[in-house]
PDB file of N, CA and C in Angstrom:
ATOM      1  N   MET A   1      11.671   4.850  -7.886  1.00  0.00           N
ATOM      2  CA  MET A   1      11.446   5.277  -6.525  1.00  0.00           C
ATOM      3  C   MET A   1      11.151   3.973  -5.770  1.00  0.00           C
ATOM      4  N   GLN A   2      11.414   4.003  -4.467  1.00  0.00           N
ATOM      5  CA  GLN A   2      11.051   2.911  -3.567  1.00  0.00           C
ATOM      6  C   GLN A   2      10.918   3.446  -2.191  1.00  0.00           C
ATOM      7  N   LEU A   3       9.974   2.846  -1.540  1.00  0.00           N
ATOM      8  CA  LEU A   3       9.527   3.171  -0.136  1.00  0.00           C
ATOM      9  C   LEU A   3       9.275   1.915   0.661  1.00  0.00           C
ATOM     10  N   ASP A   4       9.656   1.973   1.934  1.00  0.00           N
ATOM     11  CA  ASP A   4       9.331   0.714   2.720  1.00  0.00           C
ATOM     12  C   ASP A   4       7.910   1.031   3.240  1.00  0.00           C
ATOM     13  N   LEU A   5       7.224  -0.048   3.616  1.00  0.00           N
ATOM     14  CA  LEU A   5       5.825   0.031   4.125  1.00  0.00           C
ATOM     15  C   LEU A   5       5.637   0.934   5.367  1.00  0.00           C
ATOM     16  N   ALA A   6       6.733   0.953   6.187  1.00  0.00           N
ATOM     17  CA  ALA A   6       6.635   1.824   7.468  1.00  0.00           C
ATOM     18  C   ALA A   6       6.543   3.286   6.941  1.00  0.00           C
ATOM     19  N   SER A   7       7.251   3.649   5.965  1.00  0.00           N
ATOM     20  CA  SER A   7       7.224   5.066   5.428  1.00  0.00           C
ATOM     21  C   SER A   7       5.929   5.405   4.865  1.00  0.00           C
ATOM     22  N   VAL A   8       5.297   4.472   4.140  1.00  0.00           N
ATOM     23  CA  VAL A   8       3.921   4.699   3.556  1.00  0.00           C
ATOM     24  C   VAL A   8       2.989   4.941   4.653  1.00  0.00           C
ATOM     25  N   VAL A   9       2.914   4.065   5.647  1.00  0.00           N
ATOM     26  CA  VAL A   9       1.982   4.190   6.703  1.00  0.00           C
ATOM     27  C   VAL A   9       2.288   5.476   7.538  1.00  0.00           C
ATOM     28  N   ALA A  10       3.486   5.783   7.790  1.00  0.00           N
ATOM     29  CA  ALA A  10       3.867   7.017   8.511  1.00  0.00           C
ATOM     30  C   ALA A  10       3.347   8.270   7.775  1.00  0.00           C
ATOM     31  N   ALA A  11       3.411   8.314   6.438  1.00  0.00           N
ATOM     32  CA  ALA A  11       2.991   9.351   5.636  1.00  0.00           C
ATOM     33  C   ALA A  11       1.451   9.464   5.495  1.00  0.00           C
ATOM     34  N   LEU A  12       0.798   8.275   5.362  1.00  0.00           N
ATOM     35  CA  LEU A  12      -0.649   8.216   5.026  1.00  0.00           C
ATOM     36  C   LEU A  12      -1.535   7.725   6.072  1.00  0.00           C
ATOM     37  N   GLY A  13      -1.000   7.190   7.078  1.00  0.00           N
ATOM     38  CA  GLY A  13      -1.912   6.508   8.085  1.00  0.00           C
ATOM     39  C   GLY A  13      -2.216   5.013   7.646  1.00  0.00           C
ATOM     40  N   GLY A  14      -3.218   4.507   8.237  1.00  0.00           N
ATOM     41  CA  GLY A  14      -3.745   3.188   8.041  1.00  0.00           C
ATOM     42  C   GLY A  14      -2.991   2.333   9.028  1.00  0.00           C
ATOM     43  N   GLU A  15      -3.471   0.991   9.080  1.00  0.00           N
ATOM     44  CA  GLU A  15      -2.865   0.050   9.903  1.00  0.00           C
ATOM     45  C   GLU A  15      -2.102  -1.014   9.101  1.00  0.00           C
ATOM     46  N   LEU A  16      -0.855  -1.199   9.237  1.00  0.00           N
ATOM     47  CA  LEU A  16      -0.061  -2.122   8.606  1.00  0.00           C
ATOM     48  C   LEU A  16      -0.078  -3.507   9.216  1.00  0.00           C
ATOM     49  N   PHE A  17      -0.315  -4.474   8.417  1.00  0.00           N
ATOM     50  CA  PHE A  17      -0.200  -5.857   8.841  1.00  0.00           C
ATOM     51  C   PHE A  17       0.847  -6.548   8.005  1.00  0.00           C
ATOM     52  N   GLY A  18       2.059  -6.769   8.515  1.00  0.00           N
ATOM     53  CA  GLY A  18       3.067  -7.285   7.672  1.00  0.00           C
ATOM     54  C   GLY A  18       4.497  -6.568   7.993  1.00  0.00           C
ATOM     55  N   ASP A  19       5.525  -6.931   7.376  1.00  0.00           N
ATOM     56  CA  ASP A  19       6.789  -6.455   7.638  1.00  0.00           C
ATOM     57  C   ASP A  19       6.961  -5.008   7.323  1.00  0.00           C
ATOM     58  N   PRO A  20       7.144  -4.074   8.288  1.00  0.00           N
ATOM     59  CA  PRO A  20       7.305  -2.621   7.970  1.00  0.00           C
ATOM     60  C   PRO A  20       8.548  -2.279   7.147  1.00  0.00           C
ATOM     61  N   SER A  21       9.521  -3.131   7.103  1.00  0.00           N
ATOM     62  CA  SER A  21      10.717  -2.897   6.329  1.00  0.00           C
ATOM     63  C   SER A  21      10.621  -3.349   4.857  1.00  0.00           C
ATOM     64  N   LEU A  22       9.497  -4.004   4.501  1.00  0.00           N
ATOM     65  CA  LEU A  22       9.251  -4.506   3.079  1.00  0.00           C
ATOM     66  C   LEU A  22       9.279  -3.236   2.209  1.00  0.00           C
ATOM     67  N   VAL A  23      10.093  -3.333   1.157  1.00  0.00           N
ATOM     68  CA  VAL A  23      10.223  -2.199   0.133  1.00  0.00           C
ATOM     69  C   VAL A  23       9.461  -2.450  -1.006  1.00  0.00           C
ATOM     70  N   VAL A  24       8.649  -1.445  -1.482  1.00  0.00           N
ATOM     71  CA  VAL A  24       7.951  -1.550  -2.649  1.00  0.00           C
ATOM     72  C   VAL A  24       8.542  -0.579  -3.718  1.00  0.00           C
ATOM     73  N   THR A  25       8.566  -0.888  -4.985  1.00  0.00           N
ATOM     74  CA  THR A  25       9.182  -0.033  -5.992  1.00  0.00           C
ATOM     75  C   THR A  25       8.240   0.493  -6.970  1.00  0.00           C
ATOM     76  N   GLY A  26       6.907   0.214  -6.878  1.00  0.00           N
ATOM     77  CA  GLY A  26       5.959   0.697  -7.713  1.00  0.00           C
ATOM     78  C   GLY A  26       4.589   0.483  -7.243  1.00  0.00           C
ATOM     79  N   LEU A  27       3.585   1.022  -8.004  1.00  0.00           N
ATOM     80  CA  LEU A  27       2.209   0.786  -7.701  1.00  0.00           C
ATOM     81  C   LEU A  27       1.556   0.162  -8.949  1.00  0.00           C
ATOM     82  N   ALA A  28       0.588  -0.747  -8.692  1.00  0.00           N
ATOM     83  CA  ALA A  28       0.025  -1.488  -9.882  1.00  0.00           C
ATOM     84  C   ALA A  28      -1.338  -2.040  -9.507  1.00  0.00           C
ATOM     85  N   PRO A  29      -2.124  -2.320 -10.510  1.00  0.00           N
ATOM     86  CA  PRO A  29      -3.386  -2.943 -10.239  1.00  0.00           C
ATOM     87  C   PRO A  29      -3.249  -4.401  -9.771  1.00  0.00           C
ATOM     88  N   LEU A  30      -4.139  -4.964  -9.094  1.00  0.00           N
ATOM     89  CA  LEU A  30      -4.126  -6.350  -8.515  1.00  0.00           C
ATOM     90  C   LEU A  30      -3.620  -7.310  -9.506  1.00  0.00           C
ATOM     91  N   GLU A  31      -4.216  -7.335 -10.702  1.00  0.00           N
ATOM     92  CA  GLU A  31      -3.875  -8.380 -11.673  1.00  0.00           C
ATOM     93  C   GLU A  31      -2.570  -8.296 -12.308  1.00  0.00           C
ATOM     94  N   THR A  32      -1.882  -7.140 -12.324  1.00  0.00           N
ATOM     95  CA  THR A  32      -0.559  -7.071 -12.959  1.00  0.00           C
ATOM     96  C   THR A  32       0.538  -6.799 -11.906  1.00  0.00           C
ATOM     97  N   ALA A  33       0.200  -6.736 -10.668  1.00  0.00           N
ATOM     98  CA  ALA A  33       1.222  -6.355  -9.641  1.00  0.00           C
ATOM     99  C   ALA A  33       2.193  -7.541  -9.431  1.00  0.00           C
ATOM    100  N   THR A  34       3.433  -7.157  -9.213  1.00  0.00           N
ATOM    101  CA  THR A  34       4.534  -8.147  -8.907  1.00  0.00           C
ATOM    102  C   THR A  34       4.829  -8.051  -7.512  1.00  0.00           C
ATOM    103  N   PRO A  35       5.716  -8.968  -6.983  1.00  0.00           N
ATOM    104  CA  PRO A  35       6.099  -8.897  -5.567  1.00  0.00           C
ATOM    105  C   PRO A  35       6.738  -7.564  -5.108  1.00  0.00           C
ATOM    106  N   GLN A  36       7.086  -6.689  -6.055  1.00  0.00           N
ATOM    107  CA  GLN A  36       7.665  -5.409  -5.733  1.00  0.00           C
ATOM    108  C   GLN A  36       6.589  -4.234  -5.740  1.00  0.00           C
ATOM    109  N   HIS A  37       5.389  -4.507  -5.985  1.00  0.00           N
ATOM    110  CA  HIS A  37       4.327  -3.481  -6.066  1.00  0.00           C
ATOM    111  C   HIS A  37       3.414  -3.463  -4.891  1.00  0.00           C
ATOM    112  N   LEU A  38       2.853  -2.329  -4.847  1.00  0.00           N
ATOM    113  CA  LEU A  38       1.727  -2.024  -3.752  1.00  0.00           C
ATOM    114  C   LEU A  38       0.466  -1.934  -4.626  1.00  0.00           C
ATOM    115  N   SER A  39      -0.641  -2.424  -4.155  1.00  0.00           N
ATOM    116  CA  SER A  39      -1.961  -2.344  -4.908  1.00  0.00           C
ATOM    117  C   SER A  39      -3.034  -2.093  -3.879  1.00  0.00           C
ATOM    118  N   PHE A  40      -4.322  -2.058  -4.439  1.00  0.00           N
ATOM    119  CA  PHE A  40      -5.402  -1.872  -3.598  1.00  0.00           C
ATOM    120  C   PHE A  40      -6.616  -2.581  -4.060  1.00  0.00           C
ATOM    121  N   LEU A  41      -7.477  -2.764  -3.115  1.00  0.00           N
ATOM    122  CA  LEU A  41      -8.848  -3.361  -3.397  1.00  0.00           C
ATOM    123  C   LEU A  41      -9.909  -2.468  -2.724  1.00  0.00           C
ATOM    124  N   SER A  42     -10.784  -1.962  -3.485  1.00  0.00           N
ATOM    125  CA  SER A  42     -11.867  -1.131  -2.919  1.00  0.00           C
ATOM    126  C   SER A  42     -13.142  -1.745  -3.078  1.00  0.00           C
ATOM    127  N   ASN A  43     -13.340  -2.727  -3.924  1.00  0.00           N
ATOM    128  CA  ASN A  43     -14.687  -3.395  -4.205  1.00  0.00           C
ATOM    129  C   ASN A  43     -14.488  -4.812  -3.921  1.00  0.00           C
ATOM    130  N   PRO A  44     -15.225  -5.357  -2.939  1.00  0.00           N
ATOM    131  CA  PRO A  44     -15.194  -6.727  -2.586  1.00  0.00           C
ATOM    132  C   PRO A  44     -15.500  -7.712  -3.768  1.00  0.00           C
ATOM    133  N   ARG A  45     -16.161  -7.208  -4.728  1.00  0.00           N
ATOM    134  CA  ARG A  45     -16.399  -8.152  -6.014  1.00  0.00           C
ATOM    135  C   ARG A  45     -15.171  -8.628  -6.496  1.00  0.00           C
ATOM    136  N   TYR A  46     -13.942  -7.979  -6.259  1.00  0.00           N
ATOM    137  CA  TYR A  46     -12.727  -8.341  -6.920  1.00  0.00           C
ATOM    138  C   TYR A  46     -11.904  -9.158  -5.946  1.00  0.00           C
ATOM    139  N   GLN A  47     -12.513  -9.836  -4.958  1.00  0.00           N
ATOM    140  CA  GLN A  47     -11.725 -10.560  -3.989  1.00  0.00           C
ATOM    141  C   GLN A  47     -10.939 -11.644  -4.676  1.00  0.00           C
ATOM    142  N   GLN A  48     -11.426 -12.329  -5.703  1.00  0.00           N
ATOM    143  CA  GLN A  48     -10.623 -13.319  -6.406  1.00  0.00           C
ATOM    144  C   GLN A  48      -9.440 -12.781  -6.971  1.00  0.00           C
ATOM    145  N   GLN A  49      -9.429 -11.517  -7.444  1.00  0.00           N
ATOM    146  CA  GLN A  49      -8.158 -10.868  -7.928  1.00  0.00           C
ATOM    147  C   GLN A  49      -7.232 -10.607  -6.813  1.00  0.00           C
ATOM    148  N   LEU A  50      -7.829 -10.233  -5.592  1.00  0.00           N
ATOM    149  CA  LEU A  50      -6.972 -10.049  -4.431  1.00  0.00           C
ATOM    150  C   LEU A  50      -6.217 -11.281  -4.108  1.00  0.00           C
ATOM    151  N   LEU A  51      -6.925 -12.389  -4.009  1.00  0.00           N
ATOM    152  CA  LEU A  51      -6.380 -13.697  -3.599  1.00  0.00           C
ATOM    153  C   LEU A  51      -5.296 -14.207  -4.650  1.00  0.00           C
ATOM    154  N   ALA A  52      -5.441 -13.782  -5.955  1.00  0.00           N
ATOM    155  CA  ALA A  52      -4.427 -14.242  -6.935  1.00  0.00           C
ATOM    156  C   ALA A  52      -3.325 -13.254  -7.135  1.00  0.00           C
ATOM    157  N   SER A  53      -3.565 -12.039  -6.640  1.00  0.00           N
ATOM    158  CA  SER A  53      -2.514 -11.020  -6.756  1.00  0.00           C
ATOM    159  C   SER A  53      -1.078 -11.443  -6.247  1.00  0.00           C
ATOM    160  N   ARG A  54      -0.073 -10.967  -6.918  1.00  0.00           N
ATOM    161  CA  ARG A  54       1.242 -11.215  -6.399  1.00  0.00           C
ATOM    162  C   ARG A  54       1.831 -10.000  -5.746  1.00  0.00           C
ATOM    163  N   ALA A  55       1.011  -8.916  -5.592  1.00  0.00           N
ATOM    164  CA  ALA A  55       1.447  -7.653  -5.004  1.00  0.00           C
ATOM    165  C   ALA A  55       2.144  -7.912  -3.613  1.00  0.00           C
ATOM    166  N   ALA A  56       3.166  -7.112  -3.384  1.00  0.00           N
ATOM    167  CA  ALA A  56       3.785  -7.172  -2.023  1.00  0.00           C
ATOM    168  C   ALA A  56       2.981  -6.876  -0.935  1.00  0.00           C
ATOM    169  N   CYS A  57       2.040  -5.860  -1.171  1.00  0.00           N
ATOM    170  CA  CYS A  57       1.136  -5.377  -0.187  1.00  0.00           C
ATOM    171  C   CYS A  57      -0.102  -4.759  -0.855  1.00  0.00           C
ATOM    172  N   VAL A  58      -1.258  -4.945  -0.138  1.00  0.00           N
ATOM    173  CA  VAL A  58      -2.519  -4.549  -0.788  1.00  0.00           C
ATOM    174  C   VAL A  58      -3.223  -3.585   0.323  1.00  0.00           C
ATOM    175  N   VAL A  59      -3.703  -2.430  -0.089  1.00  0.00           N
ATOM    176  CA  VAL A  59      -4.549  -1.594   0.692  1.00  0.00           C
ATOM    177  C   VAL A  59      -5.930  -2.094   0.557  1.00  0.00           C
ATOM    178  N   VAL A  60      -6.575  -2.359   1.808  1.00  0.00           N
ATOM    179  CA  VAL A  60      -7.924  -2.845   1.779  1.00  0.00           C
ATOM    180  C   VAL A  60      -8.703  -2.241   2.891  1.00  0.00           C
ATOM    181  N   ALA A  61     -10.092  -2.453   2.809  1.00  0.00           N
ATOM    182  CA  ALA A  61     -10.973  -1.960   3.840  1.00  0.00           C
ATOM    183  C   ALA A  61     -11.006  -2.942   4.971  1.00  0.00           C
ATOM    184  N   PRO A  62     -11.387  -2.517   6.246  1.00  0.00           N
ATOM    185  CA  PRO A  62     -11.370  -3.410   7.373  1.00  0.00           C
ATOM    186  C   PRO A  62     -12.119  -4.773   7.053  1.00  0.00           C
ATOM    187  N   GLN A  63     -13.150  -4.825   6.397  1.00  0.00           N
ATOM    188  CA  GLN A  63     -13.894  -6.035   6.155  1.00  0.00           C
ATOM    189  C   GLN A  63     -13.081  -7.043   5.207  1.00  0.00           C
ATOM    190  N   MET A  64     -11.998  -6.538   4.550  1.00  0.00           N
ATOM    191  CA  MET A  64     -11.315  -7.405   3.685  1.00  0.00           C
ATOM    192  C   MET A  64      -9.964  -7.821   4.269  1.00  0.00           C
ATOM    193  N   LYS A  65      -9.703  -7.389   5.486  1.00  0.00           N
ATOM    194  CA  LYS A  65      -8.457  -7.677   6.143  1.00  0.00           C
ATOM    195  C   LYS A  65      -7.994  -9.108   6.072  1.00  0.00           C
ATOM    196  N   ASP A  66      -8.852  -9.957   6.578  1.00  0.00           N
ATOM    197  CA  ASP A  66      -8.589 -11.397   6.694  1.00  0.00           C
ATOM    198  C   ASP A  66      -8.302 -12.019   5.325  1.00  0.00           C
ATOM    199  N   ALA A  67      -8.976 -11.664   4.356  1.00  0.00           N
ATOM    200  CA  ALA A  67      -8.732 -12.168   2.930  1.00  0.00           C
ATOM    201  C   ALA A  67      -7.417 -11.663   2.504  1.00  0.00           C
ATOM    202  N   ALA A  68      -7.074 -10.413   2.689  1.00  0.00           N
ATOM    203  CA  ALA A  68      -5.734  -9.873   2.311  1.00  0.00           C
ATOM    204  C   ALA A  68      -4.643 -10.525   3.028  1.00  0.00           C
ATOM    205  N   LEU A  69      -4.814 -10.699   4.329  1.00  0.00           N
ATOM    206  CA  LEU A  69      -3.761 -11.392   5.120  1.00  0.00           C
ATOM    207  C   LEU A  69      -3.525 -12.797   4.701  1.00  0.00           C
ATOM    208  N   SER A  70      -4.457 -13.484   4.065  1.00  0.00           N
ATOM    209  CA  SER A  70      -4.212 -14.789   3.661  1.00  0.00           C
ATOM    210  C   SER A  70      -3.249 -14.927   2.523  1.00  0.00           C
ATOM    211  N   ARG A  71      -3.018 -13.829   1.864  1.00  0.00           N
ATOM    212  CA  ARG A  71      -2.119 -13.793   0.725  1.00  0.00           C
ATOM    213  C   ARG A  71      -0.820 -13.033   0.987  1.00  0.00           C
ATOM    214  N   GLY A  72      -0.780 -12.192   2.065  1.00  0.00           N
ATOM    215  CA  GLY A  72       0.396 -11.426   2.398  1.00  0.00           C
ATOM    216  C   GLY A  72       0.176 -10.259   3.146  1.00  0.00           C
ATOM    217  N   ALA A  73       1.067  -9.225   2.986  1.00  0.00           N
ATOM    218  CA  ALA A  73       0.994  -7.868   3.822  1.00  0.00           C
ATOM    219  C   ALA A  73      -0.237  -7.119   3.251  1.00  0.00           C
ATOM    220  N   CYS A  74      -0.731  -6.273   4.215  1.00  0.00           N
ATOM    221  CA  CYS A  74      -1.807  -5.374   3.848  1.00  0.00           C
ATOM    222  C   CYS A  74      -1.868  -4.121   4.711  1.00  0.00           C
ATOM    223  N   ILE A  75      -2.436  -3.120   4.175  1.00  0.00           N
ATOM    224  CA  ILE A  75      -2.600  -1.829   4.841  1.00  0.00           C
ATOM    225  C   ILE A  75      -4.050  -1.663   4.990  1.00  0.00           C
ATOM    226  N   VAL A  76      -4.659  -1.553   6.140  1.00  0.00           N
ATOM    227  CA  VAL A  76      -6.084  -1.461   6.354  1.00  0.00           C
ATOM    228  C   VAL A  76      -6.447  -0.005   6.424  1.00  0.00           C
ATOM    229  N   SER A  77      -7.323   0.458   5.656  1.00  0.00           N
ATOM    230  CA  SER A  77      -7.839   1.862   5.557  1.00  0.00           C
ATOM    231  C   SER A  77      -9.327   1.812   5.471  1.00  0.00           C
ATOM    232  N   ASP A  78     -10.046   2.725   6.007  1.00  0.00           N
ATOM    233  CA  ASP A  78     -11.489   2.855   5.885  1.00  0.00           C
ATOM    234  C   ASP A  78     -11.898   3.224   4.494  1.00  0.00           C
ATOM    235  N   GLN A  79     -10.946   3.841   3.685  1.00  0.00           N
ATOM    236  CA  GLN A  79     -11.349   4.223   2.349  1.00  0.00           C
ATOM    237  C   GLN A  79     -10.103   3.807   1.433  1.00  0.00           C
ATOM    238  N   PRO A  80      -9.981   2.535   1.004  1.00  0.00           N
ATOM    239  CA  PRO A  80      -8.865   2.163   0.267  1.00  0.00           C
ATOM    240  C   PRO A  80      -8.653   3.001  -1.010  1.00  0.00           C
ATOM    241  N   TYR A  81      -9.678   3.247  -1.679  1.00  0.00           N
ATOM    242  CA  TYR A  81      -9.645   4.101  -2.953  1.00  0.00           C
ATOM    243  C   TYR A  81      -8.959   5.378  -2.814  1.00  0.00           C
ATOM    244  N   VAL A  82      -9.353   6.114  -1.671  1.00  0.00           N
ATOM    245  CA  VAL A  82      -8.851   7.422  -1.400  1.00  0.00           C
ATOM    246  C   VAL A  82      -7.440   7.248  -0.967  1.00  0.00           C
ATOM    247  N   TYR A  83      -7.185   6.256  -0.199  1.00  0.00           N
ATOM    248  CA  TYR A  83      -5.761   6.011   0.383  1.00  0.00           C
ATOM    249  C   TYR A  83      -4.858   5.757  -0.775  1.00  0.00           C
ATOM    250  N   PHE A  84      -5.287   5.003  -1.759  1.00  0.00           N
ATOM    251  CA  PHE A  84      -4.450   4.711  -2.990  1.00  0.00           C
ATOM    252  C   PHE A  84      -4.233   5.991  -3.872  1.00  0.00           C
ATOM    253  N   ALA A  85      -5.225   6.847  -3.867  1.00  0.00           N
ATOM    254  CA  ALA A  85      -5.149   8.102  -4.633  1.00  0.00           C
ATOM    255  C   ALA A  85      -4.067   8.996  -3.926  1.00  0.00           C
ATOM    256  N   LYS A  86      -4.104   9.045  -2.607  1.00  0.00           N
ATOM    257  CA  LYS A  86      -3.043   9.840  -1.895  1.00  0.00           C
ATOM    258  C   LYS A  86      -1.695   9.207  -2.067  1.00  0.00           C
ATOM    259  N   LEU A  87      -1.719   7.852  -2.141  1.00  0.00           N
ATOM    260  CA  LEU A  87      -0.419   7.144  -2.291  1.00  0.00           C
ATOM    261  C   LEU A  87       0.134   7.488  -3.629  1.00  0.00           C
ATOM    262  N   THR A  88      -0.682   7.574  -4.671  1.00  0.00           N
ATOM    263  CA  THR A  88      -0.291   7.939  -6.045  1.00  0.00           C
ATOM    264  C   THR A  88       0.395   9.325  -6.023  1.00  0.00           C
ATOM    265  N   GLN A  89      -0.208  10.252  -5.358  1.00  0.00           N
ATOM    266  CA  GLN A  89       0.315  11.586  -5.246  1.00  0.00           C
ATOM    267  C   GLN A  89       1.648  11.592  -4.529  1.00  0.00           C
ATOM    268  N   LEU A  90       1.782  10.858  -3.375  1.00  0.00           N
ATOM    269  CA  LEU A  90       2.986  10.749  -2.709  1.00  0.00           C
ATOM    270  C   LEU A  90       4.045  10.211  -3.617  1.00  0.00           C
ATOM    271  N   TRP A  91       3.695   9.175  -4.398  1.00  0.00           N
ATOM    272  CA  TRP A  91       4.691   8.541  -5.279  1.00  0.00           C
ATOM    273  C   TRP A  91       5.129   9.615  -6.338  1.00  0.00           C
ATOM    274  N   LYS A  92       4.168  10.336  -6.872  1.00  0.00           N
ATOM    275  CA  LYS A  92       4.521  11.358  -7.847  1.00  0.00           C
ATOM    276  C   LYS A  92       5.486  12.438  -7.310  1.00  0.00           C
ATOM    277  N   ARG A  93       5.286  12.756  -6.059  1.00  0.00           N
ATOM    278  CA  ARG A  93       6.228  13.711  -5.455  1.00  0.00           C
ATOM    279  C   ARG A  93       7.541  13.160  -5.036  1.00  0.00           C
ATOM    280  N   GLY A  94       7.780  11.819  -5.350  1.00  0.00           N
ATOM    281  CA  GLY A  94       9.031  11.220  -5.010  1.00  0.00           C
ATOM    282  C   GLY A  94       9.165  10.845  -3.553  1.00  0.00           C
ATOM    283  N   GLY A  95       7.970  10.714  -2.912  1.00  0.00           N
ATOM    284  CA  GLY A  95       8.055  10.301  -1.460  1.00  0.00           C
ATOM    285  C   GLY A  95       8.125  11.505  -0.512  1.00  0.00           C
ATOM    286  N   ALA A  96       8.224  12.676  -0.973  1.00  0.00           N
ATOM    287  CA  ALA A  96       8.313  13.858  -0.110  1.00  0.00           C
ATOM    288  C   ALA A  96       6.992  14.123   0.614  1.00  0.00           C
ATOM    289  N   CYS A  97       6.973  14.360   1.841  1.00  0.00           N
ATOM    290  CA  CYS A  97       5.757  14.732   2.554  1.00  0.00           C
ATOM    291  C   CYS A  97       5.601  16.250   2.531  1.00  0.00           C
ATOM    292  N   SER A  98       4.659  16.775   3.093  1.00  0.00           N
ATOM    293  CA  SER A  98       4.422  18.276   3.040  1.00  0.00           C
ATOM    294  C   SER A  98       5.503  19.115   3.588  1.00  0.00           C
ATOM    295  N   THR A  99       6.334  18.526   4.445  1.00  0.00           N
ATOM    296  CA  THR A  99       7.451  19.354   4.938  1.00  0.00           C
ATOM    297  C   THR A  99       8.680  19.263   3.959  1.00  0.00           C
ATOM    298  N   GLY A 100       8.568  18.440   2.871  1.00  0.00           N
ATOM    299  CA  GLY A 100       9.640  18.362   1.902  1.00  0.00           C
ATOM    300  C   GLY A 100      10.765  17.382   2.348  1.00  0.00           C
ATOM    301  N   ARG A 101      10.571  16.655   3.497  1.00  0.00           N
ATOM    302  CA  ARG A 101      11.576  15.687   3.944  1.00  0.00           C
ATOM    303  C   ARG A 101      11.260  14.345   3.316  1.00  0.00           C
ATOM    304  N   TYR A 102      12.169  13.522   3.299  1.00  0.00           N
ATOM    305  CA  TYR A 102      12.066  12.161   2.704  1.00  0.00           C
ATOM    306  C   TYR A 102      12.201  11.097   3.865  1.00  0.00           C
ATOM    307  N   PRO A 103      11.658   9.854   3.481  1.00  0.00           N
ATOM    308  CA  PRO A 103      11.687   8.872   4.543  1.00  0.00           C
ATOM    309  C   PRO A 103      13.197   8.531   4.891  1.00  0.00           C
ATOM    310  N   SER A 104      14.118   8.706   4.012  1.00  0.00           N
ATOM    311  CA  SER A 104      15.451   8.318   4.431  1.00  0.00           C
ATOM    312  C   SER A 104      16.085   9.388   5.526  1.00  0.00           C
ATOM    313  N   ASP A 105      15.485  10.512   5.561  1.00  0.00           N
ATOM    314  CA  ASP A 105      16.029  11.446   6.590  1.00  0.00           C
ATOM    315  C   ASP A 105      15.019  11.680   7.712  1.00  0.00           C
ATOM    316  N   GLY A 106      14.076  10.752   7.845  1.00  0.00           N
ATOM    317  CA  GLY A 106      13.184  10.703   9.019  1.00  0.00           C
ATOM    318  C   GLY A 106      12.094  11.789   8.910  1.00  0.00           C
ATOM    319  N   GLY A 107      11.811  12.178   7.649  1.00  0.00           N
ATOM    320  CA  GLY A 107      10.747  13.201   7.493  1.00  0.00           C
ATOM    321  C   GLY A 107       9.413  12.712   7.597  1.00  0.00           C
ATOM    322  N   TYR A 108       9.241  11.380   7.833  1.00  0.00           N
ATOM    323  CA  TYR A 108       7.848  10.903   8.094  1.00  0.00           C
ATOM    324  C   TYR A 108       7.633  10.677   9.526  1.00  0.00           C
TER     325      TYR A 108
END
């Protein structure tokens, strides 16, 4: 499955900093993410992993926005862990939102 960042934010909220048309093809932890993955950081202790991550986009809390932006795109959420859990569920559903529509048909 693949989703562009605009579709992710339209489905789950948050504030996107970066290219909304950027497509991600999977979810991964910071340390193993590739430029096609979306990841998250919920604990500031792992800021070094954030800075070293190759993830296309990282979900972070507001206080980590500047650090995340220094390495690439990010989605800012008050609760990055919860956001990523919801993202995981969205991914398992194949991108369908509660209406059963998909990003490609304007369902978000």
